[in-house]
N, C-alpha and C. Protein backbone atom coordinates (compact mmCIF):
# COMPACT_ATOMS: atom_id res chain seq x y z
N UNK A 1 -28.25 64.37 -84.32
CA UNK A 1 -27.45 64.14 -83.11
C UNK A 1 -28.06 63.00 -82.31
N UNK A 2 -27.22 62.07 -81.85
CA UNK A 2 -27.69 60.95 -81.06
C UNK A 2 -27.97 61.40 -79.64
N UNK A 3 -29.17 61.12 -79.17
CA UNK A 3 -29.55 61.50 -77.81
C UNK A 3 -29.37 60.31 -76.88
N UNK A 4 -29.48 60.58 -75.59
CA UNK A 4 -29.28 59.54 -74.58
C UNK A 4 -30.27 58.41 -74.74
N UNK A 5 -31.48 58.71 -75.23
CA UNK A 5 -32.51 57.71 -75.35
C UNK A 5 -32.70 57.26 -76.79
N UNK A 6 -31.60 57.16 -77.54
CA UNK A 6 -31.64 56.67 -78.90
C UNK A 6 -30.98 55.30 -78.98
N UNK A 7 -31.42 54.52 -79.95
CA UNK A 7 -30.76 53.25 -80.25
C UNK A 7 -29.95 53.44 -81.52
N UNK A 8 -28.70 52.99 -81.50
CA UNK A 8 -27.83 53.11 -82.66
C UNK A 8 -27.64 51.74 -83.27
N UNK A 9 -27.92 51.61 -84.55
CA UNK A 9 -27.72 50.36 -85.28
C UNK A 9 -26.40 50.45 -86.05
N UNK A 10 -25.52 49.47 -85.86
CA UNK A 10 -24.22 49.45 -86.53
C UNK A 10 -24.12 48.16 -87.35
N UNK A 11 -23.79 48.31 -88.63
CA UNK A 11 -23.65 47.17 -89.52
C UNK A 11 -22.22 47.13 -90.06
N UNK A 12 -21.57 45.97 -89.96
CA UNK A 12 -20.21 45.86 -90.44
C UNK A 12 -19.77 44.41 -90.52
N UNK A 13 -18.45 44.22 -90.58
CA UNK A 13 -17.87 42.88 -90.68
C UNK A 13 -16.97 42.64 -89.47
N UNK A 14 -17.14 41.50 -88.83
CA UNK A 14 -16.31 41.16 -87.67
C UNK A 14 -15.00 40.57 -88.15
N UNK A 15 -13.89 41.17 -87.73
CA UNK A 15 -12.55 40.66 -88.02
C UNK A 15 -11.85 40.49 -86.68
N UNK A 16 -11.57 39.24 -86.34
CA UNK A 16 -11.04 38.93 -85.01
C UNK A 16 -11.97 39.53 -83.95
N UNK A 17 -11.44 40.37 -83.08
CA UNK A 17 -12.27 40.94 -82.00
C UNK A 17 -12.78 42.34 -82.33
N UNK A 18 -12.64 42.75 -83.60
CA UNK A 18 -13.05 44.10 -83.98
C UNK A 18 -14.18 44.06 -85.00
N UNK A 19 -14.99 45.12 -84.99
CA UNK A 19 -16.06 45.28 -85.95
C UNK A 19 -15.69 46.42 -86.89
N UNK A 20 -15.57 46.11 -88.18
CA UNK A 20 -15.20 47.10 -89.19
C UNK A 20 -16.48 47.64 -89.82
N UNK A 21 -16.65 48.98 -89.76
CA UNK A 21 -17.87 49.62 -90.24
C UNK A 21 -17.51 50.64 -91.31
N UNK A 22 -18.27 50.65 -92.40
CA UNK A 22 -18.12 51.65 -93.45
C UNK A 22 -18.97 52.87 -93.05
N UNK A 23 -18.34 53.88 -92.48
CA UNK A 23 -19.08 55.04 -91.99
C UNK A 23 -19.63 55.90 -93.11
N UNK A 24 -19.13 55.70 -94.32
CA UNK A 24 -19.64 56.49 -95.45
C UNK A 24 -20.97 55.94 -95.97
N UNK A 25 -21.28 54.70 -95.59
CA UNK A 25 -22.52 54.08 -96.04
C UNK A 25 -23.67 54.47 -95.12
N UNK A 26 -24.83 54.82 -95.68
CA UNK A 26 -25.97 55.15 -94.83
C UNK A 26 -26.44 53.98 -93.99
N UNK A 27 -26.06 52.76 -94.42
CA UNK A 27 -26.44 51.58 -93.65
C UNK A 27 -25.42 51.22 -92.58
N UNK A 28 -24.25 51.89 -92.61
CA UNK A 28 -23.20 51.56 -91.64
C UNK A 28 -23.56 51.90 -90.22
N UNK A 29 -23.96 53.15 -90.01
CA UNK A 29 -24.36 53.61 -88.68
C UNK A 29 -25.68 54.36 -88.82
N UNK A 30 -26.70 53.88 -88.14
CA UNK A 30 -28.01 54.53 -88.18
C UNK A 30 -28.49 54.78 -86.76
N UNK A 31 -29.05 55.94 -86.55
CA UNK A 31 -29.64 56.26 -85.26
C UNK A 31 -31.15 56.06 -85.35
N UNK A 32 -31.66 55.21 -84.49
CA UNK A 32 -33.09 54.93 -84.45
C UNK A 32 -33.67 55.68 -83.26
N UNK A 33 -34.32 56.77 -83.51
CA UNK A 33 -34.86 57.60 -82.43
C UNK A 33 -36.00 56.87 -81.73
N UNK A 34 -36.06 57.03 -80.44
CA UNK A 34 -37.12 56.44 -79.64
C UNK A 34 -38.03 57.52 -79.13
N UNK A 35 -39.31 57.38 -79.37
CA UNK A 35 -40.27 58.30 -78.80
C UNK A 35 -40.41 58.02 -77.31
N UNK A 36 -40.56 59.05 -76.53
CA UNK A 36 -40.69 58.89 -75.09
C UNK A 36 -41.85 57.96 -74.74
N UNK A 37 -42.91 57.99 -75.55
CA UNK A 37 -44.08 57.16 -75.26
C UNK A 37 -43.81 55.69 -75.48
N UNK A 38 -42.72 55.35 -76.22
CA UNK A 38 -42.42 53.96 -76.48
C UNK A 38 -41.52 53.34 -75.42
N UNK A 39 -41.05 54.13 -74.47
CA UNK A 39 -40.21 53.61 -73.41
C UNK A 39 -41.10 53.10 -72.29
N UNK A 40 -40.95 51.82 -71.97
CA UNK A 40 -41.81 51.23 -70.95
C UNK A 40 -41.53 51.85 -69.58
N UNK A 41 -42.58 52.28 -68.91
CA UNK A 41 -42.44 52.85 -67.58
C UNK A 41 -43.30 52.04 -66.63
N UNK A 42 -42.67 51.07 -65.96
CA UNK A 42 -43.43 50.19 -65.08
C UNK A 42 -43.81 50.86 -63.77
N UNK A 43 -43.06 51.88 -63.40
CA UNK A 43 -43.35 52.55 -62.14
C UNK A 43 -43.00 51.69 -60.95
N UNK A 44 -43.72 51.91 -59.87
CA UNK A 44 -43.46 51.20 -58.62
C UNK A 44 -43.99 49.78 -58.69
N UNK A 45 -43.16 48.82 -58.23
CA UNK A 45 -43.58 47.42 -58.19
C UNK A 45 -43.67 46.99 -56.73
N UNK A 46 -44.89 46.74 -56.31
CA UNK A 46 -45.14 46.33 -54.93
C UNK A 46 -44.74 44.86 -54.77
N UNK A 47 -43.83 44.59 -53.85
CA UNK A 47 -43.18 43.28 -53.76
C UNK A 47 -43.37 42.67 -52.38
N UNK A 48 -43.77 41.40 -52.37
CA UNK A 48 -43.89 40.64 -51.13
C UNK A 48 -42.74 39.64 -51.07
N UNK A 49 -41.92 39.74 -50.04
CA UNK A 49 -40.77 38.85 -49.86
C UNK A 49 -41.13 37.84 -48.77
N UNK A 50 -41.01 36.54 -49.11
CA UNK A 50 -41.55 35.49 -48.26
C UNK A 50 -40.47 34.49 -47.86
N UNK A 51 -39.94 34.56 -46.64
CA UNK A 51 -39.05 33.49 -46.14
C UNK A 51 -39.89 32.24 -45.86
N UNK A 52 -39.35 31.08 -46.20
CA UNK A 52 -40.12 29.83 -46.13
C UNK A 52 -39.43 28.82 -45.21
N UNK A 53 -40.16 28.30 -44.25
CA UNK A 53 -39.70 27.21 -43.40
C UNK A 53 -40.33 25.90 -43.86
N UNK A 54 -39.56 24.81 -43.72
CA UNK A 54 -40.11 23.47 -43.86
C UNK A 54 -40.34 22.91 -42.45
N UNK A 55 -41.02 21.78 -42.38
CA UNK A 55 -41.31 21.22 -41.06
C UNK A 55 -40.04 20.82 -40.32
N UNK A 56 -38.97 20.56 -41.05
CA UNK A 56 -37.72 20.12 -40.41
C UNK A 56 -36.53 21.04 -40.70
N UNK A 57 -36.77 22.16 -41.36
CA UNK A 57 -35.66 23.04 -41.71
C UNK A 57 -36.14 24.48 -41.73
N UNK A 58 -35.37 25.36 -41.10
CA UNK A 58 -35.77 26.75 -40.94
C UNK A 58 -34.94 27.66 -41.84
N UNK A 59 -35.58 28.71 -42.33
CA UNK A 59 -34.87 29.75 -43.07
C UNK A 59 -34.20 30.67 -42.05
N UNK A 60 -32.88 30.89 -42.21
CA UNK A 60 -32.13 31.57 -41.15
C UNK A 60 -31.73 33.01 -41.47
N UNK A 61 -31.84 33.43 -42.71
CA UNK A 61 -31.49 34.82 -43.04
C UNK A 61 -32.49 35.77 -42.35
N UNK A 62 -31.99 36.82 -41.73
CA UNK A 62 -32.91 37.69 -41.00
C UNK A 62 -33.62 38.68 -41.93
N UNK A 63 -34.73 39.22 -41.43
CA UNK A 63 -35.59 40.09 -42.24
C UNK A 63 -34.88 41.37 -42.67
N UNK A 64 -34.02 41.92 -41.80
CA UNK A 64 -33.34 43.16 -42.16
C UNK A 64 -32.39 42.96 -43.32
N UNK A 65 -31.76 41.79 -43.39
CA UNK A 65 -30.87 41.49 -44.50
C UNK A 65 -31.65 41.40 -45.81
N UNK A 66 -32.79 40.73 -45.80
CA UNK A 66 -33.62 40.64 -47.00
C UNK A 66 -34.17 42.00 -47.40
N UNK A 67 -34.53 42.80 -46.41
CA UNK A 67 -35.02 44.15 -46.70
C UNK A 67 -33.94 44.97 -47.41
N UNK A 68 -32.71 44.88 -46.92
CA UNK A 68 -31.60 45.60 -47.56
C UNK A 68 -31.37 45.11 -48.98
N UNK A 69 -31.45 43.79 -49.20
CA UNK A 69 -31.22 43.24 -50.54
C UNK A 69 -32.25 43.74 -51.54
N UNK A 70 -33.49 43.86 -51.11
CA UNK A 70 -34.55 44.27 -52.02
C UNK A 70 -34.73 45.78 -52.10
N UNK A 71 -34.80 46.42 -50.95
CA UNK A 71 -35.28 47.80 -50.92
C UNK A 71 -34.27 48.80 -50.38
N UNK A 72 -33.06 48.36 -50.09
CA UNK A 72 -32.06 49.25 -49.51
C UNK A 72 -31.63 50.36 -50.45
N UNK A 73 -30.95 51.33 -49.89
CA UNK A 73 -30.52 52.50 -50.67
C UNK A 73 -29.21 52.27 -51.40
N UNK A 74 -28.50 51.16 -51.10
CA UNK A 74 -27.22 50.85 -51.72
C UNK A 74 -27.22 49.39 -52.15
N UNK A 75 -26.84 49.12 -53.40
CA UNK A 75 -26.66 47.76 -53.91
C UNK A 75 -27.87 46.86 -53.65
N UNK A 76 -29.05 47.36 -53.96
CA UNK A 76 -30.26 46.56 -53.77
C UNK A 76 -30.92 46.29 -55.12
N UNK A 77 -31.92 45.41 -55.10
CA UNK A 77 -32.73 45.19 -56.29
C UNK A 77 -33.34 46.51 -56.76
N UNK A 78 -33.83 47.27 -55.81
CA UNK A 78 -34.46 48.55 -56.12
C UNK A 78 -33.48 49.51 -56.81
N UNK A 79 -32.29 49.69 -56.26
CA UNK A 79 -31.35 50.64 -56.85
C UNK A 79 -30.85 50.16 -58.22
N UNK A 80 -30.71 48.84 -58.39
CA UNK A 80 -30.29 48.31 -59.68
C UNK A 80 -31.31 48.66 -60.77
N UNK A 81 -32.58 48.35 -60.52
CA UNK A 81 -33.58 48.60 -61.55
C UNK A 81 -33.84 50.09 -61.76
N UNK A 82 -33.71 50.87 -60.71
CA UNK A 82 -33.79 52.33 -60.90
C UNK A 82 -32.73 52.81 -61.88
N UNK A 83 -31.52 52.24 -61.75
CA UNK A 83 -30.42 52.68 -62.62
C UNK A 83 -30.61 52.20 -64.05
N UNK A 84 -30.87 50.90 -64.24
CA UNK A 84 -30.90 50.37 -65.60
C UNK A 84 -32.15 50.77 -66.37
N UNK A 85 -33.20 51.19 -65.67
CA UNK A 85 -34.41 51.66 -66.37
C UNK A 85 -34.49 53.17 -66.39
N UNK A 86 -33.40 53.85 -65.97
CA UNK A 86 -33.36 55.31 -65.95
C UNK A 86 -34.50 55.89 -65.11
N UNK A 87 -34.75 55.23 -63.99
CA UNK A 87 -35.72 55.75 -63.05
C UNK A 87 -37.16 55.39 -63.33
N UNK A 88 -37.41 54.51 -64.30
CA UNK A 88 -38.81 54.22 -64.65
C UNK A 88 -39.38 53.02 -63.89
N UNK A 89 -38.53 52.21 -63.26
CA UNK A 89 -39.01 51.05 -62.51
C UNK A 89 -38.30 50.98 -61.17
N UNK A 90 -39.07 50.83 -60.12
CA UNK A 90 -38.47 50.70 -58.79
C UNK A 90 -39.32 49.76 -57.94
N UNK A 91 -38.74 49.30 -56.83
CA UNK A 91 -39.36 48.28 -56.00
C UNK A 91 -39.56 48.78 -54.58
N UNK A 92 -40.73 48.53 -54.06
CA UNK A 92 -41.01 48.75 -52.65
C UNK A 92 -41.81 47.55 -52.16
N UNK A 93 -41.94 47.41 -50.85
CA UNK A 93 -42.72 46.28 -50.38
C UNK A 93 -42.41 45.87 -48.97
N UNK A 94 -42.65 44.59 -48.69
CA UNK A 94 -42.61 44.08 -47.33
C UNK A 94 -41.90 42.73 -47.29
N UNK A 95 -41.07 42.56 -46.28
CA UNK A 95 -40.52 41.24 -45.95
C UNK A 95 -41.33 40.73 -44.76
N UNK A 96 -42.04 39.64 -44.94
CA UNK A 96 -42.90 39.14 -43.87
C UNK A 96 -42.15 38.14 -42.99
N UNK A 97 -42.75 37.78 -41.88
CA UNK A 97 -42.19 36.73 -41.03
C UNK A 97 -42.25 35.41 -41.78
N UNK A 98 -41.32 34.48 -41.48
CA UNK A 98 -41.32 33.20 -42.21
C UNK A 98 -42.64 32.45 -42.07
N UNK A 99 -43.05 31.85 -43.16
CA UNK A 99 -44.22 30.96 -43.12
C UNK A 99 -43.71 29.53 -43.17
N UNK A 100 -44.50 28.59 -42.68
CA UNK A 100 -44.10 27.18 -42.65
C UNK A 100 -45.04 26.37 -43.53
N UNK A 101 -44.46 25.56 -44.41
CA UNK A 101 -45.26 24.68 -45.26
C UNK A 101 -45.11 23.24 -44.77
N UNK A 102 -46.11 22.40 -44.97
CA UNK A 102 -46.11 21.04 -44.39
C UNK A 102 -45.32 20.02 -45.21
N UNK A 103 -44.06 20.34 -45.46
CA UNK A 103 -43.18 19.43 -46.20
C UNK A 103 -41.85 19.35 -45.48
N UNK A 104 -41.19 18.20 -45.66
CA UNK A 104 -39.82 18.04 -45.17
C UNK A 104 -38.85 18.39 -46.30
N UNK A 105 -37.65 18.80 -45.90
CA UNK A 105 -36.63 19.19 -46.88
C UNK A 105 -35.31 18.58 -46.43
N UNK A 106 -35.21 17.25 -46.63
CA UNK A 106 -34.04 16.56 -46.10
C UNK A 106 -33.43 15.56 -47.07
N UNK A 107 -33.89 15.54 -48.31
CA UNK A 107 -33.25 14.68 -49.29
C UNK A 107 -33.09 15.47 -50.58
N UNK A 108 -32.73 14.80 -51.64
CA UNK A 108 -32.46 15.50 -52.90
C UNK A 108 -33.57 15.32 -53.92
N UNK A 109 -34.77 15.08 -53.44
CA UNK A 109 -35.92 14.97 -54.33
C UNK A 109 -36.69 16.27 -54.30
N UNK A 110 -36.65 17.00 -55.38
CA UNK A 110 -37.33 18.30 -55.44
C UNK A 110 -38.80 18.11 -55.75
N UNK A 111 -39.62 18.86 -55.08
CA UNK A 111 -41.06 18.84 -55.32
C UNK A 111 -41.51 20.29 -55.48
N UNK A 112 -40.87 20.97 -56.42
CA UNK A 112 -41.08 22.40 -56.56
C UNK A 112 -42.54 22.79 -56.66
N UNK A 113 -43.28 22.10 -57.50
CA UNK A 113 -44.66 22.50 -57.74
C UNK A 113 -45.46 22.49 -56.45
N UNK A 114 -45.41 21.37 -55.71
CA UNK A 114 -46.20 21.27 -54.49
C UNK A 114 -45.69 22.22 -53.41
N UNK A 115 -44.37 22.39 -53.31
CA UNK A 115 -43.83 23.34 -52.34
C UNK A 115 -44.37 24.75 -52.61
N UNK A 116 -44.28 25.16 -53.86
CA UNK A 116 -44.66 26.52 -54.20
C UNK A 116 -46.17 26.72 -54.13
N UNK A 117 -46.92 25.69 -54.48
CA UNK A 117 -48.36 25.77 -54.31
C UNK A 117 -48.72 25.90 -52.83
N UNK A 118 -47.99 25.18 -51.97
CA UNK A 118 -48.23 25.27 -50.53
C UNK A 118 -47.92 26.67 -50.00
N UNK A 119 -46.91 27.31 -50.55
CA UNK A 119 -46.60 28.69 -50.16
C UNK A 119 -47.77 29.60 -50.49
N UNK A 120 -48.29 29.48 -51.70
CA UNK A 120 -49.43 30.31 -52.10
C UNK A 120 -50.62 30.07 -51.18
N UNK A 121 -50.92 28.80 -50.89
CA UNK A 121 -52.06 28.48 -50.04
C UNK A 121 -51.89 29.02 -48.63
N UNK A 122 -50.68 28.94 -48.10
CA UNK A 122 -50.42 29.44 -46.75
C UNK A 122 -50.59 30.96 -46.70
N UNK A 123 -50.14 31.65 -47.72
CA UNK A 123 -50.32 33.11 -47.77
C UNK A 123 -51.80 33.48 -47.81
N UNK A 124 -52.59 32.71 -48.54
CA UNK A 124 -54.02 32.97 -48.60
C UNK A 124 -54.69 32.69 -47.26
N UNK A 125 -54.25 31.63 -46.59
CA UNK A 125 -54.78 31.32 -45.26
C UNK A 125 -54.49 32.47 -44.29
N UNK A 126 -53.31 33.07 -44.44
CA UNK A 126 -52.92 34.19 -43.60
C UNK A 126 -53.56 35.51 -44.05
N UNK A 127 -54.41 35.41 -45.05
CA UNK A 127 -55.22 36.53 -45.54
C UNK A 127 -54.39 37.63 -46.22
N UNK A 128 -53.34 37.21 -46.91
CA UNK A 128 -52.64 38.16 -47.78
C UNK A 128 -53.42 38.26 -49.10
N UNK A 129 -53.64 39.48 -49.53
CA UNK A 129 -54.28 39.72 -50.82
C UNK A 129 -53.19 39.71 -51.88
N UNK A 130 -52.99 38.58 -52.53
CA UNK A 130 -51.88 38.43 -53.47
C UNK A 130 -52.07 39.27 -54.73
N UNK A 131 -53.29 39.70 -54.98
CA UNK A 131 -53.55 40.47 -56.20
C UNK A 131 -52.93 41.87 -56.15
N UNK A 132 -52.58 42.35 -54.97
CA UNK A 132 -52.03 43.71 -54.88
C UNK A 132 -50.53 43.74 -55.11
N UNK A 133 -49.90 42.58 -55.25
CA UNK A 133 -48.45 42.53 -55.40
C UNK A 133 -48.07 42.30 -56.86
N UNK A 134 -47.07 43.07 -57.30
CA UNK A 134 -46.52 42.89 -58.64
C UNK A 134 -45.49 41.77 -58.68
N UNK A 135 -44.81 41.56 -57.57
CA UNK A 135 -43.81 40.50 -57.46
C UNK A 135 -43.95 39.82 -56.11
N UNK A 136 -43.83 38.48 -56.12
CA UNK A 136 -43.80 37.70 -54.87
C UNK A 136 -42.56 36.81 -54.95
N UNK A 137 -41.65 37.00 -54.00
CA UNK A 137 -40.36 36.30 -54.05
C UNK A 137 -40.20 35.45 -52.79
N UNK A 138 -40.10 34.13 -52.99
CA UNK A 138 -39.95 33.20 -51.89
C UNK A 138 -38.51 32.74 -51.71
N UNK A 139 -38.10 32.59 -50.45
CA UNK A 139 -36.75 32.12 -50.13
C UNK A 139 -36.83 30.82 -49.34
N UNK A 140 -36.19 29.80 -49.88
CA UNK A 140 -36.19 28.46 -49.28
C UNK A 140 -34.87 28.23 -48.57
N UNK A 141 -34.86 27.57 -47.40
CA UNK A 141 -33.61 27.36 -46.67
C UNK A 141 -32.64 26.45 -47.41
N UNK A 142 -31.39 26.47 -46.97
CA UNK A 142 -30.35 25.66 -47.59
C UNK A 142 -30.45 24.20 -47.16
N UNK A 143 -30.04 23.32 -48.06
CA UNK A 143 -29.72 21.94 -47.67
C UNK A 143 -28.54 21.50 -48.53
N UNK A 144 -28.22 20.23 -48.53
CA UNK A 144 -27.01 19.77 -49.22
C UNK A 144 -27.21 19.63 -50.73
N UNK A 145 -28.42 19.80 -51.20
CA UNK A 145 -28.69 19.52 -52.61
C UNK A 145 -28.99 20.75 -53.46
N UNK A 146 -29.68 21.71 -52.90
CA UNK A 146 -30.23 22.77 -53.73
C UNK A 146 -29.60 24.11 -53.46
N UNK A 147 -29.12 24.71 -54.51
CA UNK A 147 -28.67 26.10 -54.50
C UNK A 147 -29.03 26.69 -55.85
N UNK A 148 -29.78 27.73 -55.83
CA UNK A 148 -30.15 28.33 -57.11
C UNK A 148 -31.48 29.04 -57.01
N UNK A 149 -32.14 29.16 -58.15
CA UNK A 149 -33.38 29.94 -58.17
C UNK A 149 -34.10 29.71 -59.48
N UNK A 150 -35.35 30.09 -59.52
CA UNK A 150 -36.09 30.11 -60.78
C UNK A 150 -37.26 31.08 -60.65
N UNK A 151 -37.78 31.48 -61.81
CA UNK A 151 -38.90 32.41 -61.86
C UNK A 151 -39.78 32.07 -63.06
N UNK A 152 -40.96 32.62 -63.05
CA UNK A 152 -41.91 32.40 -64.12
C UNK A 152 -41.96 33.66 -64.98
N UNK A 153 -41.66 33.50 -66.27
CA UNK A 153 -41.54 34.65 -67.18
C UNK A 153 -42.88 35.35 -67.32
N UNK A 154 -42.86 36.66 -67.08
CA UNK A 154 -44.07 37.45 -67.21
C UNK A 154 -45.06 37.27 -66.07
N UNK A 155 -44.65 36.56 -65.02
CA UNK A 155 -45.51 36.29 -63.88
C UNK A 155 -44.96 37.02 -62.66
N UNK A 156 -45.61 36.91 -61.53
CA UNK A 156 -45.15 37.61 -60.33
C UNK A 156 -44.31 36.74 -59.40
N UNK A 157 -44.27 35.41 -59.63
CA UNK A 157 -43.65 34.49 -58.69
C UNK A 157 -42.20 34.18 -59.06
N UNK A 158 -41.34 34.17 -58.03
CA UNK A 158 -39.95 33.72 -58.18
C UNK A 158 -39.52 33.10 -56.85
N UNK A 159 -38.55 32.18 -56.93
CA UNK A 159 -38.08 31.48 -55.74
C UNK A 159 -36.57 31.32 -55.78
N UNK A 160 -35.94 31.46 -54.62
CA UNK A 160 -34.51 31.20 -54.47
C UNK A 160 -34.32 30.07 -53.47
N UNK A 161 -33.38 29.17 -53.80
CA UNK A 161 -33.10 28.01 -52.97
C UNK A 161 -31.66 28.06 -52.49
N UNK A 162 -31.48 28.01 -51.18
CA UNK A 162 -30.15 27.90 -50.61
C UNK A 162 -29.37 29.20 -50.63
N UNK A 163 -28.08 29.08 -50.31
CA UNK A 163 -27.24 30.28 -50.14
C UNK A 163 -27.00 31.00 -51.46
N UNK A 164 -26.84 30.26 -52.57
CA UNK A 164 -26.63 30.93 -53.86
C UNK A 164 -27.82 31.80 -54.23
N UNK A 165 -29.01 31.36 -53.84
CA UNK A 165 -30.20 32.11 -54.16
C UNK A 165 -30.32 33.42 -53.41
N UNK A 166 -29.47 33.62 -52.39
CA UNK A 166 -29.48 34.87 -51.64
C UNK A 166 -28.61 35.94 -52.27
N UNK A 167 -27.87 35.57 -53.30
CA UNK A 167 -27.03 36.54 -53.99
C UNK A 167 -27.89 37.61 -54.67
N UNK A 168 -27.51 38.87 -54.48
CA UNK A 168 -28.31 39.97 -55.03
C UNK A 168 -28.49 39.86 -56.54
N UNK A 169 -27.43 39.51 -57.27
CA UNK A 169 -27.54 39.44 -58.71
C UNK A 169 -28.42 38.27 -59.15
N UNK A 170 -28.46 37.21 -58.35
CA UNK A 170 -29.39 36.11 -58.64
C UNK A 170 -30.82 36.58 -58.53
N UNK A 171 -31.12 37.32 -57.49
CA UNK A 171 -32.47 37.85 -57.30
C UNK A 171 -32.84 38.78 -58.46
N UNK A 172 -31.93 39.67 -58.82
CA UNK A 172 -32.16 40.60 -59.93
C UNK A 172 -32.43 39.84 -61.22
N UNK A 173 -31.65 38.78 -61.45
CA UNK A 173 -31.81 37.94 -62.64
C UNK A 173 -33.23 37.35 -62.70
N UNK A 174 -33.67 36.77 -61.60
CA UNK A 174 -34.99 36.13 -61.59
C UNK A 174 -36.12 37.14 -61.75
N UNK A 175 -35.99 38.29 -61.13
CA UNK A 175 -37.01 39.32 -61.30
C UNK A 175 -37.05 39.80 -62.74
N UNK A 176 -35.90 39.78 -63.42
CA UNK A 176 -35.89 40.10 -64.85
C UNK A 176 -36.81 39.17 -65.63
N UNK A 177 -36.83 37.88 -65.26
CA UNK A 177 -37.76 36.95 -65.91
C UNK A 177 -39.21 37.36 -65.63
N UNK A 178 -39.49 37.73 -64.39
CA UNK A 178 -40.84 38.20 -64.06
C UNK A 178 -41.23 39.38 -64.94
N UNK A 179 -40.26 40.22 -65.26
CA UNK A 179 -40.52 41.40 -66.09
C UNK A 179 -40.60 41.07 -67.58
N UNK A 180 -40.42 39.78 -67.91
CA UNK A 180 -40.59 39.36 -69.30
C UNK A 180 -39.31 39.07 -70.04
N UNK A 181 -38.15 39.16 -69.37
CA UNK A 181 -36.88 38.93 -70.05
C UNK A 181 -36.54 37.45 -70.08
N UNK A 182 -35.99 37.01 -71.21
CA UNK A 182 -35.53 35.63 -71.37
C UNK A 182 -34.01 35.60 -71.28
N UNK A 183 -33.42 34.40 -71.33
CA UNK A 183 -31.97 34.28 -71.36
C UNK A 183 -31.44 34.70 -72.73
N UNK A 184 -30.36 35.47 -72.74
CA UNK A 184 -29.79 35.91 -74.01
C UNK A 184 -29.07 34.76 -74.72
N UNK A 185 -28.51 33.82 -73.94
CA UNK A 185 -27.75 32.70 -74.50
C UNK A 185 -26.58 33.20 -75.34
N UNK A 186 -26.27 32.51 -76.43
CA UNK A 186 -25.10 32.90 -77.23
C UNK A 186 -25.36 34.22 -77.95
N UNK A 187 -24.33 35.04 -78.00
CA UNK A 187 -24.39 36.30 -78.75
C UNK A 187 -23.86 36.01 -80.14
N UNK A 188 -24.73 35.70 -81.08
CA UNK A 188 -24.34 35.28 -82.42
C UNK A 188 -24.62 36.41 -83.40
N UNK A 189 -23.53 36.97 -83.95
CA UNK A 189 -23.67 38.07 -84.91
C UNK A 189 -23.53 37.56 -86.35
N UNK A 190 -23.95 36.34 -86.60
CA UNK A 190 -24.04 35.73 -87.92
C UNK A 190 -22.66 35.38 -88.50
N UNK A 191 -21.85 36.41 -88.77
CA UNK A 191 -20.53 36.13 -89.37
C UNK A 191 -19.59 35.51 -88.35
N UNK A 192 -19.65 36.00 -87.11
CA UNK A 192 -18.72 35.54 -86.09
C UNK A 192 -19.38 35.66 -84.72
N UNK A 193 -19.23 34.65 -83.91
CA UNK A 193 -19.72 34.72 -82.54
C UNK A 193 -18.72 35.54 -81.73
N UNK A 194 -19.18 36.66 -81.19
CA UNK A 194 -18.29 37.54 -80.46
C UNK A 194 -18.10 37.12 -79.02
N UNK A 195 -19.06 36.40 -78.47
CA UNK A 195 -18.94 35.91 -77.09
C UNK A 195 -19.73 34.62 -76.98
N UNK A 196 -19.17 33.68 -76.22
CA UNK A 196 -19.85 32.38 -76.11
C UNK A 196 -21.12 32.47 -75.28
N UNK A 197 -21.08 33.21 -74.20
CA UNK A 197 -22.25 33.35 -73.35
C UNK A 197 -22.35 34.78 -72.85
N UNK A 198 -23.58 35.24 -72.65
CA UNK A 198 -23.76 36.53 -72.03
C UNK A 198 -23.55 36.39 -70.53
N UNK A 199 -23.49 37.49 -69.82
CA UNK A 199 -23.27 37.44 -68.38
C UNK A 199 -24.48 36.83 -67.68
N UNK A 200 -24.30 36.47 -66.41
CA UNK A 200 -25.34 35.80 -65.65
C UNK A 200 -26.60 36.64 -65.55
N UNK A 201 -26.46 37.95 -65.54
CA UNK A 201 -27.63 38.79 -65.40
C UNK A 201 -28.53 38.68 -66.61
N UNK A 202 -28.01 38.25 -67.76
CA UNK A 202 -28.84 38.08 -68.94
C UNK A 202 -29.49 36.72 -68.98
């Protein structure tokens, strides 16, 4: 019997939008049981949320809004990961007051490395112990050029730029990279590509 925590392997032939499977073949449908010990349980992830000001541009989203996006009881990063990991990963933490880095943000020349290094240095100057955080998420104010986000795979750092970066699913996507997930890209099942691209969350 297939349990809730089992992986099912299905082998068949794609015809148009359908997958034809020979159920009489032992290779057609196989249940791969998962031992409880093999399911990753990350537990609580202590998260530091960092609004970032530039010398000429201020981050305007308020702290309560960011707190709701990350740690709220409805439609938050925390509730999403609680659901998709079956309760094994959740997020708690702090949204701090905006920090200011000594850079201007008024043209379309990105200096991501230096900006983000300046964020880290400013947090250290303010005596934050960065080693206690599993995730550190920085938010950069909007300008006419940048909207989006990026993260470092398997690392604790992620950044969102502009209004698009404030989208909850964008934040969830980037934290997925921190947790070690890559982009799924094309879903290629060898015989036939069933979908050109996976959803944005992948």
